[in-house]
Amino acid sequence: METKLDQNRMERVRRRYSFSGGIEIEAEGSREGLCLTWKDDIVVTLRSYSKWHIDVLLWEDCIQKEWRFTGFYGSPYSKDRNSVWSLLNRLSQGNNYPGLVAGDFNEILYSFEKSGGVP
């Protein structure tokens, strides 16, 4: 999720809600910042990260299977769109695991989805 928090504040939130593990990517001022948290019964292996994504392999004891999760934050700025979508394309290469990509892609498909700002 996008946190808009510095690393120390996000770690306090993580502990408050009893998440045993976490990866925090610090916000730049009051923008961005990503966090992925998990409980004890999940083993997480970090593959890569940036200010736009966290890519991990997950092992869940309950299903006895490894799978891939990519938390993604698409830039709301048009100047970053090509590089962010290129990143997502690169992350999809060479994937041999079942997986899920989730997050905020900041893509507007229809004009009724937009509120405020430039039309």
PDB file of N, CA and C in Angstrom:
ATOM      1  N   MET A   1       0.827  -1.182   0.000  1.00  0.00           N
ATOM      2  CA  MET A   1       0.000   0.000   0.000  1.00  0.00           C
ATOM      3  C   MET A   1       0.865   1.236   0.000  1.00  0.00           C
ATOM      4  N   GLU A   2       0.366   2.321  -0.530  1.00  0.00           N
ATOM      5  CA  GLU A   2       1.059   3.601  -0.457  1.00  0.00           C
ATOM      6  C   GLU A   2       0.866   4.135   0.961  1.00  0.00           C
ATOM      7  N   THR A   3       1.963   4.474   1.626  1.00  0.00           N
ATOM      8  CA  THR A   3       1.872   4.851   3.037  1.00  0.00           C
ATOM      9  C   THR A   3       1.930   6.346   3.296  1.00  0.00           C
ATOM     10  N   LYS A   4       2.733   7.062   2.509  1.00  0.00           N
ATOM     11  CA  LYS A   4       3.022   8.477   2.750  1.00  0.00           C
ATOM     12  C   LYS A   4       3.653   8.676   4.130  1.00  0.00           C
ATOM     13  N   LEU A   5       4.307   7.633   4.658  1.00  0.00           N
ATOM     14  CA  LEU A   5       4.944   7.679   5.978  1.00  0.00           C
ATOM     15  C   LEU A   5       6.431   7.400   5.868  1.00  0.00           C
ATOM     16  N   ASP A   6       7.202   7.951   6.822  1.00  0.00           N
ATOM     17  CA  ASP A   6       8.611   7.595   6.864  1.00  0.00           C
ATOM     18  C   ASP A   6       8.746   6.181   7.445  1.00  0.00           C
ATOM     19  N   GLN A   7       9.925   5.612   7.311  1.00  0.00           N
ATOM     20  CA  GLN A   7      10.146   4.215   7.675  1.00  0.00           C
ATOM     21  C   GLN A   7       9.872   3.948   9.155  1.00  0.00           C
ATOM     22  N   ASN A   8      10.282   4.840  10.049  1.00  0.00           N
ATOM     23  CA  ASN A   8      10.071   4.628  11.482  1.00  0.00           C
ATOM     24  C   ASN A   8       8.586   4.618  11.841  1.00  0.00           C
ATOM     25  N   ARG A   9       7.830   5.543  11.290  1.00  0.00           N
ATOM     26  CA  ARG A   9       6.395   5.588  11.580  1.00  0.00           C
ATOM     27  C   ARG A   9       5.686   4.361  11.031  1.00  0.00           C
ATOM     28  N   MET A  10       6.088   3.901   9.839  1.00  0.00           N
ATOM     29  CA  MET A  10       5.458   2.719   9.267  1.00  0.00           C
ATOM     30  C   MET A  10       5.786   1.487  10.096  1.00  0.00           C
ATOM     31  N   GLU A  11       6.995   1.393  10.599  1.00  0.00           N
ATOM     32  CA  GLU A  11       7.369   0.255  11.439  1.00  0.00           C
ATOM     33  C   GLU A  11       6.540   0.239  12.719  1.00  0.00           C
ATOM     34  N   ARG A  12       6.267   1.410  13.300  1.00  0.00           N
ATOM     35  CA  ARG A  12       5.419   1.479  14.496  1.00  0.00           C
ATOM     36  C   ARG A  12       3.995   0.996  14.184  1.00  0.00           C
ATOM     37  N   VAL A  13       3.474   1.377  13.039  1.00  0.00           N
ATOM     38  CA  VAL A  13       2.139   0.913  12.627  1.00  0.00           C
ATOM     39  C   VAL A  13       2.142  -0.599  12.474  1.00  0.00           C
ATOM     40  N   ARG A  14       3.176  -1.113  11.840  1.00  0.00           N
ATOM     41  CA  ARG A  14       3.281  -2.563  11.622  1.00  0.00           C
ATOM     42  C   ARG A  14       3.273  -3.318  12.946  1.00  0.00           C
ATOM     43  N   ARG A  15       4.061  -2.845  13.914  1.00  0.00           N
ATOM     44  CA  ARG A  15       4.115  -3.502  15.220  1.00  0.00           C
ATOM     45  C   ARG A  15       2.795  -3.376  15.976  1.00  0.00           C
ATOM     46  N   ARG A  16       2.161  -2.239  15.855  1.00  0.00           N
ATOM     47  CA  ARG A  16       0.896  -2.012  16.555  1.00  0.00           C
ATOM     48  C   ARG A  16      -0.160  -3.033  16.146  1.00  0.00           C
ATOM     49  N   TYR A  17      -0.160  -3.434  14.887  1.00  0.00           N
ATOM     50  CA  TYR A  17      -1.144  -4.392  14.391  1.00  0.00           C
ATOM     51  C   TYR A  17      -0.603  -5.821  14.335  1.00  0.00           C
ATOM     52  N   SER A  18       0.504  -6.062  15.020  1.00  0.00           N
ATOM     53  CA  SER A  18       1.075  -7.401  15.231  1.00  0.00           C
ATOM     54  C   SER A  18       1.502  -8.117  13.957  1.00  0.00           C
ATOM     55  N   PHE A  19       2.008  -7.372  12.997  1.00  0.00           N
ATOM     56  CA  PHE A  19       2.617  -8.005  11.829  1.00  0.00           C
ATOM     57  C   PHE A  19       4.060  -8.314  12.189  1.00  0.00           C
ATOM     58  N   SER A  20       4.475  -9.566  12.006  1.00  0.00           N
ATOM     59  CA  SER A  20       5.814  -9.977  12.423  1.00  0.00           C
ATOM     60  C   SER A  20       6.895  -9.538  11.450  1.00  0.00           C
ATOM     61  N   GLY A  21       6.550  -9.371  10.188  1.00  0.00           N
ATOM     62  CA  GLY A  21       7.538  -8.978   9.192  1.00  0.00           C
ATOM     63  C   GLY A  21       7.035  -7.844   8.346  1.00  0.00           C
ATOM     64  N   GLY A  22       7.977  -7.154   7.732  1.00  0.00           N
ATOM     65  CA  GLY A  22       7.569  -6.071   6.867  1.00  0.00           C
ATOM     66  C   GLY A  22       8.710  -5.523   6.049  1.00  0.00           C
ATOM     67  N   ILE A  23       8.356  -4.939   4.937  1.00  0.00           N
ATOM     68  CA  ILE A  23       9.294  -4.233   4.076  1.00  0.00           C
ATOM     69  C   ILE A  23       8.726  -2.838   3.906  1.00  0.00           C
ATOM     70  N   GLU A  24       9.505  -1.843   4.280  1.00  0.00           N
ATOM     71  CA  GLU A  24       9.059  -0.463   4.147  1.00  0.00           C
ATOM     72  C   GLU A  24       9.979   0.272   3.186  1.00  0.00           C
ATOM     73  N   ILE A  25       9.388   0.983   2.251  1.00  0.00           N
ATOM     74  CA  ILE A  25      10.135   1.847   1.350  1.00  0.00           C
ATOM     75  C   ILE A  25       9.673   3.255   1.679  1.00  0.00           C
ATOM     76  N   GLU A  26      10.593   4.027   2.205  1.00  0.00           N
ATOM     77  CA  GLU A  26      10.277   5.325   2.783  1.00  0.00           C
ATOM     78  C   GLU A  26       9.675   6.293   1.770  1.00  0.00           C
ATOM     79  N   ALA A  27       8.729   7.081   2.252  1.00  0.00           N
ATOM     80  CA  ALA A  27       8.099   8.119   1.433  1.00  0.00           C
ATOM     81  C   ALA A  27       9.091   9.226   1.132  1.00  0.00           C
ATOM     82  N   GLU A  28       8.857   9.913   0.028  1.00  0.00           N
ATOM     83  CA  GLU A  28       9.637  11.102  -0.326  1.00  0.00           C
ATOM     84  C   GLU A  28       8.789  12.303   0.041  1.00  0.00           C
ATOM     85  N   GLY A  29       9.061  12.881   1.197  1.00  0.00           N
ATOM     86  CA  GLY A  29       8.216  13.960   1.698  1.00  0.00           C
ATOM     87  C   GLY A  29       6.867  13.395   2.067  1.00  0.00           C
ATOM     88  N   SER A  30       5.806  13.972   1.532  1.00  0.00           N
ATOM     89  CA  SER A  30       4.456  13.469   1.828  1.00  0.00           C
ATOM     90  C   SER A  30       3.906  12.661   0.655  1.00  0.00           C
ATOM     91  N   ARG A  31       4.799  12.176  -0.233  1.00  0.00           N
ATOM     92  CA  ARG A  31       4.372  11.392  -1.389  1.00  0.00           C
ATOM     93  C   ARG A  31       4.950   9.999  -1.316  1.00  0.00           C
ATOM     94  N   GLU A  32       4.213   9.102  -1.896  1.00  0.00           N
ATOM     95  CA  GLU A  32       4.669   7.737  -2.126  1.00  0.00           C
ATOM     96  C   GLU A  32       4.915   6.986  -0.823  1.00  0.00           C
ATOM     97  N   GLY A  33       5.929   6.135  -0.797  1.00  0.00           N
ATOM     98  CA  GLY A  33       6.180   5.255   0.327  1.00  0.00           C
ATOM     99  C   GLY A  33       5.348   3.995   0.168  1.00  0.00           C
ATOM    100  N   LEU A  34       5.993   2.850   0.268  1.00  0.00           N
ATOM    101  CA  LEU A  34       5.298   1.570   0.129  1.00  0.00           C
ATOM    102  C   LEU A  34       5.571   0.703   1.339  1.00  0.00           C
ATOM    103  N   CYS A  35       4.651  -0.195   1.616  1.00  0.00           N
ATOM    104  CA  CYS A  35       4.831  -1.120   2.723  1.00  0.00           C
ATOM    105  C   CYS A  35       4.142  -2.436   2.398  1.00  0.00           C
ATOM    106  N   LEU A  36       4.801  -3.523   2.743  1.00  0.00           N
ATOM    107  CA  LEU A  36       4.219  -4.852   2.652  1.00  0.00           C
ATOM    108  C   LEU A  36       4.446  -5.499   4.008  1.00  0.00           C
ATOM    109  N   THR A  37       3.392  -6.005   4.623  1.00  0.00           N
ATOM    110  CA  THR A  37       3.509  -6.637   5.940  1.00  0.00           C
ATOM    111  C   THR A  37       2.917  -8.036   5.894  1.00  0.00           C
ATOM    112  N   TRP A  38       3.343  -8.875   6.868  1.00  0.00           N
ATOM    113  CA  TRP A  38       2.845 -10.239   6.922  1.00  0.00           C
ATOM    114  C   TRP A  38       2.932 -10.778   8.341  1.00  0.00           C
ATOM    115  N   LYS A  39       2.218 -11.874   8.564  1.00  0.00           N
ATOM    116  CA  LYS A  39       2.179 -12.566   9.851  1.00  0.00           C
ATOM    117  C   LYS A  39       3.197 -13.708   9.865  1.00  0.00           C
ATOM    118  N   ASP A  40       3.346 -14.366  11.035  1.00  0.00           N
ATOM    119  CA  ASP A  40       4.353 -15.405  11.251  1.00  0.00           C
ATOM    120  C   ASP A  40       4.262 -16.608  10.331  1.00  0.00           C
ATOM    121  N   ASP A  41       3.071 -16.969   9.883  1.00  0.00           N
ATOM    122  CA  ASP A  41       2.916 -18.207   9.129  1.00  0.00           C
ATOM    123  C   ASP A  41       3.258 -18.082   7.644  1.00  0.00           C
ATOM    124  N   ILE A  42       3.829 -16.949   7.243  1.00  0.00           N
ATOM    125  CA  ILE A  42       4.215 -16.734   5.853  1.00  0.00           C
ATOM    126  C   ILE A  42       5.715 -16.418   5.800  1.00  0.00           C
ATOM    127  N   VAL A  43       6.428 -17.110   4.925  1.00  0.00           N
ATOM    128  CA  VAL A  43       7.851 -16.834   4.701  1.00  0.00           C
ATOM    129  C   VAL A  43       7.951 -15.989   3.446  1.00  0.00           C
ATOM    130  N   VAL A  44       8.626 -14.855   3.549  1.00  0.00           N
ATOM    131  CA  VAL A  44       8.719 -13.901   2.444  1.00  0.00           C
ATOM    132  C   VAL A  44      10.169 -13.777   2.001  1.00  0.00           C
ATOM    133  N   THR A  45      10.393 -13.896   0.699  1.00  0.00           N
ATOM    134  CA  THR A  45      11.712 -13.698   0.108  1.00  0.00           C
ATOM    135  C   THR A  45      11.624 -12.512  -0.842  1.00  0.00           C
ATOM    136  N   LEU A  46      12.372 -11.469  -0.528  1.00  0.00           N
ATOM    137  CA  LEU A  46      12.362 -10.265  -1.358  1.00  0.00           C
ATOM    138  C   LEU A  46      13.109 -10.527  -2.654  1.00  0.00           C
ATOM    139  N   ARG A  47      12.462 -10.246  -3.780  1.00  0.00           N
ATOM    140  CA  ARG A  47      13.105 -10.363  -5.096  1.00  0.00           C
ATOM    141  C   ARG A  47      13.657  -9.023  -5.545  1.00  0.00           C
ATOM    142  N   SER A  48      12.826  -7.970  -5.473  1.00  0.00           N
ATOM    143  CA  SER A  48      13.279  -6.638  -5.866  1.00  0.00           C
ATOM    144  C   SER A  48      12.301  -5.605  -5.326  1.00  0.00           C
ATOM    145  N   TYR A  49      12.755  -4.350  -5.328  1.00  0.00           N
ATOM    146  CA  TYR A  49      11.881  -3.264  -4.899  1.00  0.00           C
ATOM    147  C   TYR A  49      12.365  -1.955  -5.514  1.00  0.00           C
ATOM    148  N   SER A  50      11.466  -0.995  -5.541  1.00  0.00           N
ATOM    149  CA  SER A  50      11.778   0.366  -5.943  1.00  0.00           C
ATOM    150  C   SER A  50      10.710   1.246  -5.310  1.00  0.00           C
ATOM    151  N   LYS A  51      10.717   2.523  -5.620  1.00  0.00           N
ATOM    152  CA  LYS A  51       9.657   3.370  -5.085  1.00  0.00           C
ATOM    153  C   LYS A  51       8.320   3.068  -5.740  1.00  0.00           C
ATOM    154  N   TRP A  52       8.324   2.225  -6.776  1.00  0.00           N
ATOM    155  CA  TRP A  52       7.102   1.877  -7.492  1.00  0.00           C
ATOM    156  C   TRP A  52       6.609   0.462  -7.222  1.00  0.00           C
ATOM    157  N   HIS A  53       7.402  -0.394  -6.589  1.00  0.00           N
ATOM    158  CA  HIS A  53       6.973  -1.780  -6.427  1.00  0.00           C
ATOM    159  C   HIS A  53       7.713  -2.492  -5.299  1.00  0.00           C
ATOM    160  N   ILE A  54       7.107  -3.581  -4.833  1.00  0.00           N
ATOM    161  CA  ILE A  54       7.756  -4.561  -3.958  1.00  0.00           C
ATOM    162  C   ILE A  54       7.403  -5.921  -4.551  1.00  0.00           C
ATOM    163  N   ASP A  55       8.413  -6.697  -4.908  1.00  0.00           N
ATOM    164  CA  ASP A  55       8.224  -7.990  -5.562  1.00  0.00           C
ATOM    165  C   ASP A  55       8.792  -9.077  -4.660  1.00  0.00           C
ATOM    166  N   VAL A  56       7.957 -10.035  -4.245  1.00  0.00           N
ATOM    167  CA  VAL A  56       8.377 -11.062  -3.288  1.00  0.00           C
ATOM    168  C   VAL A  56       7.882 -12.438  -3.710  1.00  0.00           C
ATOM    169  N   LEU A  57       8.546 -13.457  -3.173  1.00  0.00           N
ATOM    170  CA  LEU A  57       8.048 -14.829  -3.218  1.00  0.00           C
ATOM    171  C   LEU A  57       7.505 -15.142  -1.836  1.00  0.00           C
ATOM    172  N   LEU A  58       6.361 -15.801  -1.792  1.00  0.00           N
ATOM    173  CA  LEU A  58       5.710 -16.125  -0.526  1.00  0.00           C
ATOM    174  C   LEU A  58       5.586 -17.636  -0.389  1.00  0.00           C
ATOM    175  N   TRP A  59       5.862 -18.129   0.815  1.00  0.00           N
ATOM    176  CA  TRP A  59       5.626 -19.530   1.140  1.00  0.00           C
ATOM    177  C   TRP A  59       4.631 -19.554   2.282  1.00  0.00           C
ATOM    178  N   GLU A  60       3.490 -20.199   2.018  1.00  0.00           N
ATOM    179  CA  GLU A  60       2.458 -20.306   3.036  1.00  0.00           C
ATOM    180  C   GLU A  60       2.371 -21.749   3.498  1.00  0.00           C
ATOM    181  N   ASP A  61       2.552 -21.962   4.808  1.00  0.00           N
ATOM    182  CA  ASP A  61       2.473 -23.318   5.355  1.00  0.00           C
ATOM    183  C   ASP A  61       1.134 -23.973   5.075  1.00  0.00           C
ATOM    184  N   CYS A  62       0.059 -23.193   5.117  1.00  0.00           N
ATOM    185  CA  CYS A  62      -1.278 -23.783   4.975  1.00  0.00           C
ATOM    186  C   CYS A  62      -1.519 -24.380   3.595  1.00  0.00           C
ATOM    187  N   ILE A  63      -0.856 -23.885   2.559  1.00  0.00           N
ATOM    188  CA  ILE A  63      -1.060 -24.456   1.226  1.00  0.00           C
ATOM    189  C   ILE A  63       0.178 -25.193   0.709  1.00  0.00           C
ATOM    190  N   GLN A  64       1.287 -25.091   1.452  1.00  0.00           N
ATOM    191  CA  GLN A  64       2.529 -25.779   1.070  1.00  0.00           C
ATOM    192  C   GLN A  64       2.927 -25.481  -0.372  1.00  0.00           C
ATOM    193  N   LYS A  65       2.890 -24.199  -0.702  1.00  0.00           N
ATOM    194  CA  LYS A  65       3.212 -23.803  -2.065  1.00  0.00           C
ATOM    195  C   LYS A  65       3.837 -22.411  -2.056  1.00  0.00           C
ATOM    196  N   GLU A  66       4.768 -22.192  -2.985  1.00  0.00           N
ATOM    197  CA  GLU A  66       5.380 -20.879  -3.142  1.00  0.00           C
ATOM    198  C   GLU A  66       4.681 -20.136  -4.277  1.00  0.00           C
ATOM    199  N   TRP A  67       4.443 -18.845  -4.062  1.00  0.00           N
ATOM    200  CA  TRP A  67       3.826 -18.032  -5.103  1.00  0.00           C
ATOM    201  C   TRP A  67       4.402 -16.627  -5.037  1.00  0.00           C
ATOM    202  N   ARG A  68       4.139 -15.865  -6.071  1.00  0.00           N
ATOM    203  CA  ARG A  68       4.749 -14.542  -6.222  1.00  0.00           C
ATOM    204  C   ARG A  68       3.700 -13.456  -6.019  1.00  0.00           C
ATOM    205  N   PHE A  69       4.099 -12.422  -5.295  1.00  0.00           N
ATOM    206  CA  PHE A  69       3.249 -11.254  -5.111  1.00  0.00           C
ATOM    207  C   PHE A  69       4.040 -10.010  -5.483  1.00  0.00           C
ATOM    208  N   THR A  70       3.436  -9.144  -6.279  1.00  0.00           N
ATOM    209  CA  THR A  70       4.031  -7.861  -6.615  1.00  0.00           C
ATOM    210  C   THR A  70       3.054  -6.771  -6.208  1.00  0.00           C
ATOM    211  N   GLY A  71       3.453  -5.973  -5.220  1.00  0.00           N
ATOM    212  CA  GLY A  71       2.692  -4.796  -4.845  1.00  0.00           C
ATOM    213  C   GLY A  71       3.166  -3.655  -5.728  1.00  0.00           C
ATOM    214  N   PHE A  72       2.243  -2.966  -6.372  1.00  0.00           N
ATOM    215  CA  PHE A  72       2.610  -2.006  -7.412  1.00  0.00           C
ATOM    216  C   PHE A  72       1.945  -0.661  -7.156  1.00  0.00           C
ATOM    217  N   TYR A  73       2.699   0.400  -7.340  1.00  0.00           N
ATOM    218  CA  TYR A  73       2.164   1.755  -7.241  1.00  0.00           C
ATOM    219  C   TYR A  73       2.513   2.494  -8.524  1.00  0.00           C
ATOM    220  N   GLY A  74       1.514   2.732  -9.366  1.00  0.00           N
ATOM    221  CA  GLY A  74       1.726   3.462 -10.608  1.00  0.00           C
ATOM    222  C   GLY A  74       1.776   4.950 -10.351  1.00  0.00           C
ATOM    223  N   SER A  75       2.706   5.619 -10.946  1.00  0.00           N
ATOM    224  CA  SER A  75       2.846   7.057 -10.740  1.00  0.00           C
ATOM    225  C   SER A  75       1.613   7.802 -11.231  1.00  0.00           C
ATOM    226  N   PRO A  76       1.164   8.787 -10.450  1.00  0.00           N
ATOM    227  CA  PRO A  76       0.052   9.612 -10.914  1.00  0.00           C
ATOM    228  C   PRO A  76       0.495  10.670 -11.929  1.00  0.00           C
ATOM    229  N   TYR A  77       1.808  10.760 -12.182  1.00  0.00           N
ATOM    230  CA  TYR A  77       2.354  11.774 -13.079  1.00  0.00           C
ATOM    231  C   TYR A  77       2.634  11.178 -14.449  1.00  0.00           C
ATOM    232  N   SER A  78       2.145  11.858 -15.489  1.00  0.00           N
ATOM    233  CA  SER A  78       2.292  11.332 -16.839  1.00  0.00           C
ATOM    234  C   SER A  78       3.755  11.202 -17.257  1.00  0.00           C
ATOM    235  N   LYS A  79       4.645  12.016 -16.716  1.00  0.00           N
ATOM    236  CA  LYS A  79       6.064  11.938 -17.083  1.00  0.00           C
ATOM    237  C   LYS A  79       6.704  10.604 -16.664  1.00  0.00           C
ATOM    238  N   ASP A  80       6.113   9.926 -15.677  1.00  0.00           N
ATOM    239  CA  ASP A  80       6.663   8.658 -15.181  1.00  0.00           C
ATOM    240  C   ASP A  80       5.989   7.429 -15.778  1.00  0.00           C
ATOM    241  N   ARG A  81       4.905   7.609 -16.483  1.00  0.00           N
ATOM    242  CA  ARG A  81       4.080   6.469 -16.902  1.00  0.00           C
ATOM    243  C   ARG A  81       4.847   5.438 -17.720  1.00  0.00           C
ATOM    244  N   ASN A  82       5.609   5.865 -18.722  1.00  0.00           N
ATOM    245  CA  ASN A  82       6.323   4.896 -19.563  1.00  0.00           C
ATOM    246  C   ASN A  82       7.303   4.062 -18.757  1.00  0.00           C
ATOM    247  N   SER A  83       8.070   4.698 -17.879  1.00  0.00           N
ATOM    248  CA  SER A  83       9.058   3.938 -17.112  1.00  0.00           C
ATOM    249  C   SER A  83       8.402   3.007 -16.102  1.00  0.00           C
ATOM    250  N   VAL A  84       7.291   3.423 -15.515  1.00  0.00           N
ATOM    251  CA  VAL A  84       6.602   2.581 -14.532  1.00  0.00           C
ATOM    252  C   VAL A  84       5.968   1.368 -15.221  1.00  0.00           C
ATOM    253  N   TRP A  85       5.341   1.564 -16.358  1.00  0.00           N
ATOM    254  CA  TRP A  85       4.753   0.433 -17.081  1.00  0.00           C
ATOM    255  C   TRP A  85       5.835  -0.473 -17.668  1.00  0.00           C
ATOM    256  N   SER A  86       6.983   0.084 -18.044  1.00  0.00           N
ATOM    257  CA  SER A  86       8.107  -0.744 -18.500  1.00  0.00           C
ATOM    258  C   SER A  86       8.622  -1.616 -17.355  1.00  0.00           C
ATOM    259  N   LEU A  87       8.660  -1.042 -16.149  1.00  0.00           N
ATOM    260  CA  LEU A  87       9.054  -1.814 -14.970  1.00  0.00           C
ATOM    261  C   LEU A  87       8.115  -3.000 -14.774  1.00  0.00           C
ATOM    262  N   LEU A  88       6.826  -2.770 -14.841  1.00  0.00           N
ATOM    263  CA  LEU A  88       5.865  -3.856 -14.656  1.00  0.00           C
ATOM    264  C   LEU A  88       6.051  -4.921 -15.737  1.00  0.00           C
ATOM    265  N   ASN A  89       6.326  -4.513 -16.943  1.00  0.00           N
ATOM    266  CA  ASN A  89       6.586  -5.466 -18.024  1.00  0.00           C
ATOM    267  C   ASN A  89       7.842  -6.291 -17.732  1.00  0.00           C
ATOM    268  N   ARG A  90       8.923  -5.649 -17.274  1.00  0.00           N
ATOM    269  CA  ARG A  90      10.159  -6.374 -16.933  1.00  0.00           C
ATOM    270  C   ARG A  90       9.925  -7.365 -15.797  1.00  0.00           C
ATOM    271  N   LEU A  91       9.140  -6.976 -14.805  1.00  0.00           N
ATOM    272  CA  LEU A  91       8.862  -7.864 -13.681  1.00  0.00           C
ATOM    273  C   LEU A  91       8.106  -9.114 -14.119  1.00  0.00           C
ATOM    274  N   SER A  92       7.343  -9.012 -15.183  1.00  0.00           N
ATOM    275  CA  SER A  92       6.566 -10.158 -15.654  1.00  0.00           C
ATOM    276  C   SER A  92       7.425 -11.175 -16.406  1.00  0.00           C
ATOM    277  N   GLN A  93       8.625 -10.809 -16.805  1.00  0.00           N
ATOM    278  CA  GLN A  93       9.492 -11.703 -17.576  1.00  0.00           C
ATOM    279  C   GLN A  93      10.058 -12.807 -16.684  1.00  0.00           C
ATOM    280  N   GLY A  94      10.157 -14.010 -17.214  1.00  0.00           N
ATOM    281  CA  GLY A  94      10.810 -15.119 -16.515  1.00  0.00           C
ATOM    282  C   GLY A  94      10.113 -15.543 -15.239  1.00  0.00           C
ATOM    283  N   ASN A  95       8.814 -15.423 -15.185  1.00  0.00           N
ATOM    284  CA  ASN A  95       8.073 -15.781 -13.989  1.00  0.00           C
ATOM    285  C   ASN A  95       7.593 -17.223 -14.077  1.00  0.00           C
ATOM    286  N   ASN A  96       8.081 -18.073 -13.174  1.00  0.00           N
ATOM    287  CA  ASN A  96       7.680 -19.482 -13.164  1.00  0.00           C
ATOM    288  C   ASN A  96       6.758 -19.808 -11.994  1.00  0.00           C
ATOM    289  N   TYR A  97       6.246 -18.800 -11.318  1.00  0.00           N
ATOM    290  CA  TYR A  97       5.403 -19.004 -10.149  1.00  0.00           C
ATOM    291  C   TYR A  97       3.999 -18.480 -10.423  1.00  0.00           C
ATOM    292  N   PRO A  98       2.990 -19.110  -9.797  1.00  0.00           N
ATOM    293  CA  PRO A  98       1.680 -18.458  -9.832  1.00  0.00           C
ATOM    294  C   PRO A  98       1.800 -17.143  -9.093  1.00  0.00           C
ATOM    295  N   GLY A  99       1.061 -16.143  -9.514  1.00  0.00           N
ATOM    296  CA  GLY A  99       1.273 -14.856  -8.874  1.00  0.00           C
ATOM    297  C   GLY A  99       0.090 -13.923  -8.933  1.00  0.00           C
ATOM    298  N   LEU A 100       0.282 -12.830  -8.221  1.00  0.00           N
ATOM    299  CA  LEU A 100      -0.722 -11.787  -8.122  1.00  0.00           C
ATOM    300  C   LEU A 100      -0.018 -10.439  -8.144  1.00  0.00           C
ATOM    301  N   VAL A 101      -0.501  -9.522  -8.964  1.00  0.00           N
ATOM    302  CA  VAL A 101      -0.048  -8.131  -8.972  1.00  0.00           C
ATOM    303  C   VAL A 101      -1.227  -7.304  -8.487  1.00  0.00           C
ATOM    304  N   ALA A 102      -1.003  -6.512  -7.449  1.00  0.00           N
ATOM    305  CA  ALA A 102      -2.086  -5.706  -6.887  1.00  0.00           C
ATOM    306  C   ALA A 102      -1.532  -4.362  -6.444  1.00  0.00           C
ATOM    307  N   GLY A 103      -2.403  -3.387  -6.379  1.00  0.00           N
ATOM    308  CA  GLY A 103      -1.983  -2.081  -5.901  1.00  0.00           C
ATOM    309  C   GLY A 103      -2.786  -0.974  -6.537  1.00  0.00           C
ATOM    310  N   ASP A 104      -2.155   0.178  -6.608  1.00  0.00           N
ATOM    311  CA  ASP A 104      -2.776   1.362  -7.192  1.00  0.00           C
ATOM    312  C   ASP A 104      -2.050   1.667  -8.490  1.00  0.00           C
ATOM    313  N   PHE A 105      -2.694   1.400  -9.610  1.00  0.00           N
ATOM    314  CA  PHE A 105      -2.066   1.588 -10.913  1.00  0.00           C
ATOM    315  C   PHE A 105      -2.191   3.029 -11.398  1.00  0.00           C
ATOM    316  N   ASN A 106      -3.002   3.831 -10.732  1.00  0.00           N
ATOM    317  CA  ASN A 106      -3.198   5.235 -11.096  1.00  0.00           C
ATOM    318  C   ASN A 106      -3.486   5.416 -12.578  1.00  0.00           C
ATOM    319  N   GLU A 107      -4.300   4.553 -13.113  1.00  0.00           N
ATOM    320  CA  GLU A 107      -4.718   4.645 -14.508  1.00  0.00           C
ATOM    321  C   GLU A 107      -6.198   4.964 -14.548  1.00  0.00           C
ATOM    322  N   ILE A 108      -6.561   5.946 -15.335  1.00  0.00           N
ATOM    323  CA  ILE A 108      -7.957   6.327 -15.502  1.00  0.00           C
ATOM    324  C   ILE A 108      -8.419   5.810 -16.856  1.00  0.00           C
ATOM    325  N   LEU A 109      -9.395   4.927 -16.832  1.00  0.00           N
ATOM    326  CA  LEU A 109      -9.900   4.361 -18.078  1.00  0.00           C
ATOM    327  C   LEU A 109     -11.064   5.167 -18.640  1.00  0.00           C
ATOM    328  N   TYR A 110     -11.872   5.745 -17.764  1.00  0.00           N
ATOM    329  CA  TYR A 110     -13.062   6.483 -18.179  1.00  0.00           C
ATOM    330  C   TYR A 110     -13.101   7.830 -17.472  1.00  0.00           C
ATOM    331  N   SER A 111     -13.592   8.842 -18.139  1.00  0.00           N
ATOM    332  CA  SER A 111     -13.611  10.194 -17.577  1.00  0.00           C
ATOM    333  C   SER A 111     -14.417  10.276 -16.283  1.00  0.00           C
ATOM    334  N   PHE A 112     -15.449   9.444 -16.115  1.00  0.00           N
ATOM    335  CA  PHE A 112     -16.244   9.500 -14.891  1.00  0.00           C
ATOM    336  C   PHE A 112     -15.467   9.013 -13.663  1.00  0.00           C
ATOM    337  N   GLU A 113     -14.318   8.346 -13.872  1.00  0.00           N
ATOM    338  CA  GLU A 113     -13.496   7.896 -12.755  1.00  0.00           C
ATOM    339  C   GLU A 113     -12.695   9.032 -12.134  1.00  0.00           C
ATOM    340  N   LYS A 114     -12.546  10.123 -12.825  1.00  0.00           N
ATOM    341  CA  LYS A 114     -11.707  11.242 -12.393  1.00  0.00           C
ATOM    342  C   LYS A 114     -12.534  12.250 -11.619  1.00  0.00           C
ATOM    343  N   SER A 115     -11.934  12.785 -10.557  1.00  0.00           N
ATOM    344  CA  SER A 115     -12.577  13.817  -9.764  1.00  0.00           C
ATOM    345  C   SER A 115     -11.577  14.933  -9.496  1.00  0.00           C
ATOM    346  N   GLY A 116     -11.881  16.162  -9.922  1.00  0.00           N
ATOM    347  CA  GLY A 116     -10.992  17.291  -9.690  1.00  0.00           C
ATOM    348  C   GLY A 116      -9.849  17.353 -10.678  1.00  0.00           C
ATOM    349  N   GLY A 117      -9.050  18.425 -10.555  1.00  0.00           N
ATOM    350  CA  GLY A 117      -7.883  18.591 -11.414  1.00  0.00           C
ATOM    351  C   GLY A 117      -8.234  18.878 -12.856  1.00  0.00           C
ATOM    352  N   VAL A 118      -7.249  18.737 -13.709  1.00  0.00           N
ATOM    353  CA  VAL A 118      -7.420  18.981 -15.137  1.00  0.00           C
ATOM    354  C   VAL A 118      -8.272  17.867 -15.734  1.00  0.00           C
ATOM    355  N   PRO A 119      -9.237  18.186 -16.587  1.00  0.00           N
ATOM    356  CA  PRO A 119     -10.092  17.139 -17.183  1.00  0.00           C
ATOM    357  C   PRO A 119      -9.272  16.123 -17.980  1.00  0.00           C
TER     358      PRO A 119
END
